[in-house]
């Protein structure tokens, strides 16, 4: 991992993203680019304190750059600080491409930062549109990841996410989780099936899914150290519950092309996971999304 782009809005909580980016860069011998995106300051407009001129815009940019450098401090992993103007999600993606970043890191805003995530915020748009892996940081990032939960649907996207995540956190305890829909339970109960019949149906499902999981992981490096779990339930709720039970500090999901994430980013599963998970969330893309930058 040679280059990590950490985007920050310069708020107090945003420092966690910078800390996490530096920790990962130090672990992998990489470098960090810091980016702050300002909304354009239209020259000649009235903003309450007087008319905005060219000098005001330059002063604002200079002040933001100084704040960015102060945030970097003496961190030797940070070798680039940039201030851009425009739509934040567009500039973040533009800079991730320009720097050829292996990972884009964005910060969260408190425990419930994603209450409005799917109403079009920067984090959601970056995850949806970026052609690079995106890490959304919710917790302090000064320690290496210790417990990683990777949600998999056995697809090529999930396979790529497994490989990326296990290299990202080489010392972490890793659990591979597949949640299957136990849709058959309700009709079986309505038909008068006994508990042992339903248990038998679950066993048959597991017998079919375990080989499928192993086949999807064939030739994936260092996957031997990962635990496997295949359990029934509603994917969104179950992934979050499993992450809490395991005290996971990172949940990983495979992101697919054309802007969708594991079980579809706009669907209820990924929305629920990214909103409710207390830990960091990593979306690893396989394939290019359709986004032409302005």
Foldseek 3Di string as FASTA:
>chain_A
DAEEEEEAQLDPQSLQLVLQVLQLCVVVVYAYAYEYEAEDDDAQDDDPVGGHHPVNRVVVQVVVQVSQCVSCPPRPRYDHYDYHYDDLLLVQQVVCVVVVHQEYEGEADAQQRCPVVVVDDSVLSNLQAHPHKYKYFQDRNNDAWAEEEEEDPLDPLSLVQVLVVCVSRVNHAYEYEYEDELPVPVVCVVVVHDPVVSVVVVVVVCVVVVVSNVVSNPPRPPCVRYHYDYYYDDQQVVQQVVCVVVVGQEYEWGAEEQRATHVGCPDDRVSSNVRNRRHMYMYGYDDHYDDDRD
